[in-house]
Each structure stands twice: as C-alpha cells, then as structure tokens.
Amino acid sequence: MMTEMTRTAKRGGARAPKIVINADHLAHIEALAEGAMQRNPDLADRLFDEISRARIVARAKMPANVVSIGSTVTYRDETTGLEKSVTLTFPENADISCQRVSLMTPIGVALLGLAEGAEFFWDTRDDQRRTLTVIRVEQPDLEGRSDPAS
C-alpha cells in the first residue's frame, strides 16, 4: 500500500507544514479527490486531508512563493542531494516527459500548497522515506490572468 506523508522536519517530532490553496482551484481539486475515491482511495484521502487543513485564499492573495496549480517548483531530495523542477498541473495537462506532474500523484499531493523552504517526508511506493525541501517556486506568467495549467 502506498502512503505518503507531508511533514515538517522538527526535532522531537514531525508536524504538517502550513499549506495554502487557491480558491479558484478548490472545486476542481475536490472533484478530482471525489472521483479518485474508487480508483485510489489512499491518494484521495490524502488530498482531502490536505484540503481540510489548508488555508483557502483568493487568487489575488496567493503568496508567490507557494506551490499552486501551474507553479513550477524546484525541490531537493535530501537523501541524494539532487534537485528537480516540475510544474504542478491538473491531470488533464500532465506530461511527465515535459516535467508536468499531475496533482493526482503522490508527489503532486505532497507539493500542493507548500511554500519555499518547507521540508516534508514522502514515503515512496517502494517504502523508502525521503525528505524533500522546496527550494524555489515560480508562478506562471499571469499576464491577462489566464492560467494554462488550470
């Protein structure tokens, strides 16, 4: 069984980092989680958990340093030291060959709403625990406020 945990690394225990979700994306995210309940209940539950603890804000109030749909995020695997950049998308826009990662993947759910500097544990499908750190978040060009990833 696949499990992933978004946690802040703290001495003496782990605590989930604060997350922020764009209100414009909330209905779509909730619909995806509901649709996934039959196919992938663990992932759906995790996404519902993230939604329930998130601070939901209007697009204009979204901090620029927070991962949202359409954001390009660079994170570091603290085990290997390797950095990777991906763009978080809705499933219909995902294309791993272009580093466009679906929200409906373990890493997509884990990254949603995190700010630069956040650290989180992620248990891979082969039961390896990894600590990942969000290094940089870049927002799409919102000229005219059209978000190609939404």
C-alpha atoms as a PDB file:
ATOM      1  CA  MET A   1       0.000   0.000   0.000  1.00  0.00           C
ATOM      2  CA  MET A   2       1.289   3.417  -0.973  1.00  0.00           C
ATOM      3  CA  THR A   3       1.474   6.078   1.682  1.00  0.00           C
ATOM      4  CA  GLU A   4       2.988   9.484   1.574  1.00  0.00           C
ATOM      5  CA  MET A   5       3.283  11.914   4.412  1.00  0.00           C
ATOM      6  CA  THR A   6       3.719  15.646   4.136  1.00  0.00           C
ATOM      7  CA  ARG A   7       5.526  16.687   7.264  1.00  0.00           C
ATOM      8  CA  THR A   8       7.770  19.435   8.500  1.00  0.00           C
ATOM      9  CA  ALA A   9      11.015  18.110   9.876  1.00  0.00           C
ATOM     10  CA  LYS A  10      11.258  19.098  13.538  1.00  0.00           C
ATOM     11  CA  ARG A  11      13.430  17.825  16.336  1.00  0.00           C
ATOM     12  CA  GLY A  12      11.443  15.602  18.605  1.00  0.00           C
ATOM     13  CA  GLY A  13       8.568  15.071  16.161  1.00  0.00           C
ATOM     14  CA  ALA A  14       7.031  15.922  12.844  1.00  0.00           C
ATOM     15  CA  ARG A  15       4.296  18.393  12.151  1.00  0.00           C
ATOM     16  CA  ALA A  16       2.451  19.037   8.919  1.00  0.00           C
ATOM     17  CA  PRO A  17       3.577  22.287   7.284  1.00  0.00           C
ATOM     18  CA  LYS A  18       1.051  25.023   6.640  1.00  0.00           C
ATOM     19  CA  ILE A  19      -0.426  24.971   3.163  1.00  0.00           C
ATOM     20  CA  VAL A  20      -2.354  27.465   1.059  1.00  0.00           C
ATOM     21  CA  ILE A  21      -4.731  26.610  -1.800  1.00  0.00           C
ATOM     22  CA  ASN A  22      -6.028  28.958  -4.482  1.00  0.00           C
ATOM     23  CA  ALA A  23      -9.827  29.285  -4.095  1.00  0.00           C
ATOM     24  CA  ASP A  24     -10.192  29.307  -7.902  1.00  0.00           C
ATOM     25  CA  HIS A  25      -8.864  25.718  -7.995  1.00  0.00           C
ATOM     26  CA  LEU A  26     -10.711  24.328  -4.973  1.00  0.00           C
ATOM     27  CA  ALA A  27     -13.838  22.961  -6.717  1.00  0.00           C
ATOM     28  CA  HIS A  28     -11.750  21.169  -9.356  1.00  0.00           C
ATOM     29  CA  ILE A  29      -9.403  19.720  -6.721  1.00  0.00           C
ATOM     30  CA  GLU A  30     -12.330  18.480  -4.620  1.00  0.00           C
ATOM     31  CA  ALA A  31     -13.973  16.915  -7.684  1.00  0.00           C
ATOM     32  CA  LEU A  32     -10.734  15.100  -8.530  1.00  0.00           C
ATOM     33  CA  ALA A  33     -10.450  13.778  -4.973  1.00  0.00           C
ATOM     34  CA  GLU A  34     -14.060  12.576  -5.023  1.00  0.00           C
ATOM     35  CA  GLY A  35     -13.526  10.893  -8.390  1.00  0.00           C
ATOM     36  CA  ALA A  36     -10.419   9.124  -7.105  1.00  0.00           C
ATOM     37  CA  MET A  37     -12.184   7.532  -4.107  1.00  0.00           C
ATOM     38  CA  GLN A  38     -12.934   4.321  -6.027  1.00  0.00           C
ATOM     39  CA  ARG A  39      -9.671   4.069  -8.010  1.00  0.00           C
ATOM     40  CA  ASN A  40      -7.166   5.252  -5.435  1.00  0.00           C
ATOM     41  CA  PRO A  41      -8.722   5.803  -2.002  1.00  0.00           C
ATOM     42  CA  ASP A  42      -5.372   6.352  -0.236  1.00  0.00           C
ATOM     43  CA  LEU A  43      -4.464   9.215  -2.565  1.00  0.00           C
ATOM     44  CA  ALA A  44      -7.986  10.653  -2.403  1.00  0.00           C
ATOM     45  CA  ASP A  45      -7.946  10.556   1.407  1.00  0.00           C
ATOM     46  CA  ARG A  46      -4.568  12.275   1.464  1.00  0.00           C
ATOM     47  CA  LEU A  47      -5.836  15.013  -0.842  1.00  0.00           C
ATOM     48  CA  PHE A  48      -8.957  15.501   1.287  1.00  0.00           C
ATOM     49  CA  ASP A  49      -6.689  15.752   4.361  1.00  0.00           C
ATOM     50  CA  GLU A  50      -4.625  18.449   2.655  1.00  0.00           C
ATOM     51  CA  ILE A  51      -7.756  20.384   1.645  1.00  0.00           C
ATOM     52  CA  SER A  52      -9.187  20.193   5.172  1.00  0.00           C
ATOM     53  CA  ARG A  53      -6.116  21.743   6.767  1.00  0.00           C
ATOM     54  CA  ALA A  54      -5.377  24.275   4.029  1.00  0.00           C
ATOM     55  CA  ARG A  55      -5.920  27.989   4.170  1.00  0.00           C
ATOM     56  CA  ILE A  56      -8.059  28.767   1.106  1.00  0.00           C
ATOM     57  CA  VAL A  57      -7.359  32.196  -0.405  1.00  0.00           C
ATOM     58  CA  ALA A  58      -8.422  34.210  -3.443  1.00  0.00           C
ATOM     59  CA  ARG A  59      -6.053  34.115  -6.416  1.00  0.00           C
ATOM     60  CA  ALA A  60      -5.033  37.722  -5.790  1.00  0.00           C
ATOM     61  CA  LYS A  61      -3.985  36.773  -2.226  1.00  0.00           C
ATOM     62  CA  MET A  62      -1.959  33.668  -3.188  1.00  0.00           C
ATOM     63  CA  PRO A  63       1.620  34.107  -1.981  1.00  0.00           C
ATOM     64  CA  ALA A  64       4.081  33.988  -4.891  1.00  0.00           C
ATOM     65  CA  ASN A  65       6.296  31.520  -3.011  1.00  0.00           C
ATOM     66  CA  VAL A  66       3.569  28.843  -2.617  1.00  0.00           C
ATOM     67  CA  VAL A  67       3.061  25.848  -4.917  1.00  0.00           C
ATOM     68  CA  SER A  68      -0.251  26.014  -6.761  1.00  0.00           C
ATOM     69  CA  ILE A  69      -1.612  24.543  -9.971  1.00  0.00           C
ATOM     70  CA  GLY A  70       0.593  25.933 -12.735  1.00  0.00           C
ATOM     71  CA  SER A  71       3.558  26.647 -10.451  1.00  0.00           C
ATOM     72  CA  THR A  72       6.995  25.376 -11.323  1.00  0.00           C
ATOM     73  CA  VAL A  73       8.623  24.079  -8.171  1.00  0.00           C
ATOM     74  CA  THR A  74      12.225  23.101  -7.613  1.00  0.00           C
ATOM     75  CA  TYR A  75      12.762  20.673  -4.756  1.00  0.00           C
ATOM     76  CA  ARG A  76      15.765  18.839  -3.361  1.00  0.00           C
ATOM     77  CA  ASP A  77      15.866  15.212  -2.287  1.00  0.00           C
ATOM     78  CA  GLU A  78      17.842  15.454   0.940  1.00  0.00           C
ATOM     79  CA  THR A  79      18.929  11.803   0.644  1.00  0.00           C
ATOM     80  CA  THR A  80      20.616  12.210  -2.736  1.00  0.00           C
ATOM     81  CA  GLY A  81      21.132  15.971  -2.855  1.00  0.00           C
ATOM     82  CA  LEU A  82      19.551  16.019  -6.313  1.00  0.00           C
ATOM     83  CA  GLU A  83      17.291  18.877  -7.300  1.00  0.00           C
ATOM     84  CA  LYS A  84      14.351  18.508  -9.644  1.00  0.00           C
ATOM     85  CA  SER A  85      11.984  21.038 -11.171  1.00  0.00           C
ATOM     86  CA  VAL A  86       8.400  20.143 -12.094  1.00  0.00           C
ATOM     87  CA  THR A  87       5.235  22.042 -12.923  1.00  0.00           C
ATOM     88  CA  LEU A  88       2.174  21.030 -10.920  1.00  0.00           C
ATOM     89  CA  THR A  89      -0.880  20.527 -13.155  1.00  0.00           C
ATOM     90  CA  PHE A  90      -4.345  19.090 -13.194  1.00  0.00           C
ATOM     91  CA  PRO A  91      -4.321  15.509 -14.577  1.00  0.00           C
ATOM     92  CA  GLU A  92      -5.597  16.523 -17.991  1.00  0.00           C
ATOM     93  CA  ASN A  93      -2.498  18.708 -18.511  1.00  0.00           C
ATOM     94  CA  ALA A  94       0.102  16.338 -17.067  1.00  0.00           C
ATOM     95  CA  ASP A  95       3.002  15.188 -19.237  1.00  0.00           C
ATOM     96  CA  ILE A  96       5.906  13.687 -17.327  1.00  0.00           C
ATOM     97  CA  SER A  97       8.177  13.948 -20.395  1.00  0.00           C
ATOM     98  CA  CYS A  98       7.785  17.734 -20.053  1.00  0.00           C
ATOM     99  CA  GLN A  99       8.090  17.652 -16.227  1.00  0.00           C
ATOM    100  CA  ARG A 100       4.375  18.476 -15.894  1.00  0.00           C
ATOM    101  CA  VAL A 101       3.302  16.465 -12.828  1.00  0.00           C
ATOM    102  CA  SER A 102      -0.334  15.723 -12.043  1.00  0.00           C
ATOM    103  CA  LEU A 103      -1.848  16.828  -8.777  1.00  0.00           C
ATOM    104  CA  MET A 104      -3.271  13.286  -8.617  1.00  0.00           C
ATOM    105  CA  THR A 105       0.115  11.682  -7.956  1.00  0.00           C
ATOM    106  CA  PRO A 106       1.739  11.196  -4.550  1.00  0.00           C
ATOM    107  CA  ILE A 107       4.320  13.913  -5.195  1.00  0.00           C
ATOM    108  CA  GLY A 108       1.645  16.236  -6.622  1.00  0.00           C
ATOM    109  CA  VAL A 109      -0.493  15.956  -3.490  1.00  0.00           C
ATOM    110  CA  ALA A 110       2.586  16.383  -1.303  1.00  0.00           C
ATOM    111  CA  LEU A 111       3.700  19.569  -3.087  1.00  0.00           C
ATOM    112  CA  LEU A 112       0.320  21.311  -3.269  1.00  0.00           C
ATOM    113  CA  GLY A 113       0.230  24.450  -1.146  1.00  0.00           C
ATOM    114  CA  LEU A 114       3.775  24.277   0.214  1.00  0.00           C
ATOM    115  CA  ALA A 115       5.930  27.399   0.494  1.00  0.00           C
ATOM    116  CA  GLU A 116       9.597  27.798  -0.343  1.00  0.00           C
ATOM    117  CA  GLY A 117      11.720  26.353   2.436  1.00  0.00           C
ATOM    118  CA  ALA A 118       9.143  23.765   3.521  1.00  0.00           C
ATOM    119  CA  GLU A 119      10.501  20.289   4.226  1.00  0.00           C
ATOM    120  CA  PHE A 120       8.349  17.211   4.041  1.00  0.00           C
ATOM    121  CA  PHE A 121       8.709  13.471   4.338  1.00  0.00           C
ATOM    122  CA  TRP A 122       7.481  11.401   1.474  1.00  0.00           C
ATOM    123  CA  ASP A 123       7.198   7.609   1.564  1.00  0.00           C
ATOM    124  CA  THR A 124       7.735   6.237  -1.922  1.00  0.00           C
ATOM    125  CA  ARG A 125       5.835   3.305  -3.395  1.00  0.00           C
ATOM    126  CA  ASP A 126       8.764   1.032  -2.558  1.00  0.00           C
ATOM    127  CA  ASP A 127       8.683   2.114   1.114  1.00  0.00           C
ATOM    128  CA  GLN A 128      11.655   4.450   1.013  1.00  0.00           C
ATOM    129  CA  ARG A 129      11.285   7.524   3.189  1.00  0.00           C
ATOM    130  CA  ARG A 130      12.607  10.665   1.560  1.00  0.00           C
ATOM    131  CA  THR A 131      12.904  14.171   2.914  1.00  0.00           C
ATOM    132  CA  LEU A 132      12.278  16.754   0.239  1.00  0.00           C
ATOM    133  CA  THR A 133      12.808  20.501   0.542  1.00  0.00           C
ATOM    134  CA  VAL A 134      11.034  23.096  -1.593  1.00  0.00           C
ATOM    135  CA  ILE A 135      13.846  25.278  -2.918  1.00  0.00           C
ATOM    136  CA  ARG A 136      12.071  27.615  -5.322  1.00  0.00           C
ATOM    137  CA  VAL A 137       8.540  28.285  -6.573  1.00  0.00           C
ATOM    138  CA  GLU A 138       7.921  30.115  -9.827  1.00  0.00           C
ATOM    139  CA  GLN A 139       4.453  31.203 -10.871  1.00  0.00           C
ATOM    140  CA  PRO A 140       3.228  31.102 -14.461  1.00  0.00           C
ATOM    141  CA  ASP A 141       3.072  34.312 -16.413  1.00  0.00           C
ATOM    142  CA  LEU A 142      -0.335  35.567 -15.365  1.00  0.00           C
ATOM    143  CA  GLU A 143      -0.492  38.336 -17.979  1.00  0.00           C
ATOM    144  CA  GLY A 144      -4.198  38.740 -18.544  1.00  0.00           C
ATOM    145  CA  ARG A 145      -4.744  36.289 -15.648  1.00  0.00           C
ATOM    146  CA  SER A 146      -5.036  33.213 -17.857  1.00  0.00           C
ATOM    147  CA  ASP A 147      -3.529  30.124 -16.311  1.00  0.00           C
ATOM    148  CA  PRO A 148      -2.756  27.498 -18.963  1.00  0.00           C
ATOM    149  CA  ALA A 149      -2.497  24.798 -16.296  1.00  0.00           C
ATOM    150  CA  SER A 150      -5.946  25.349 -14.846  1.00  0.00           C
END
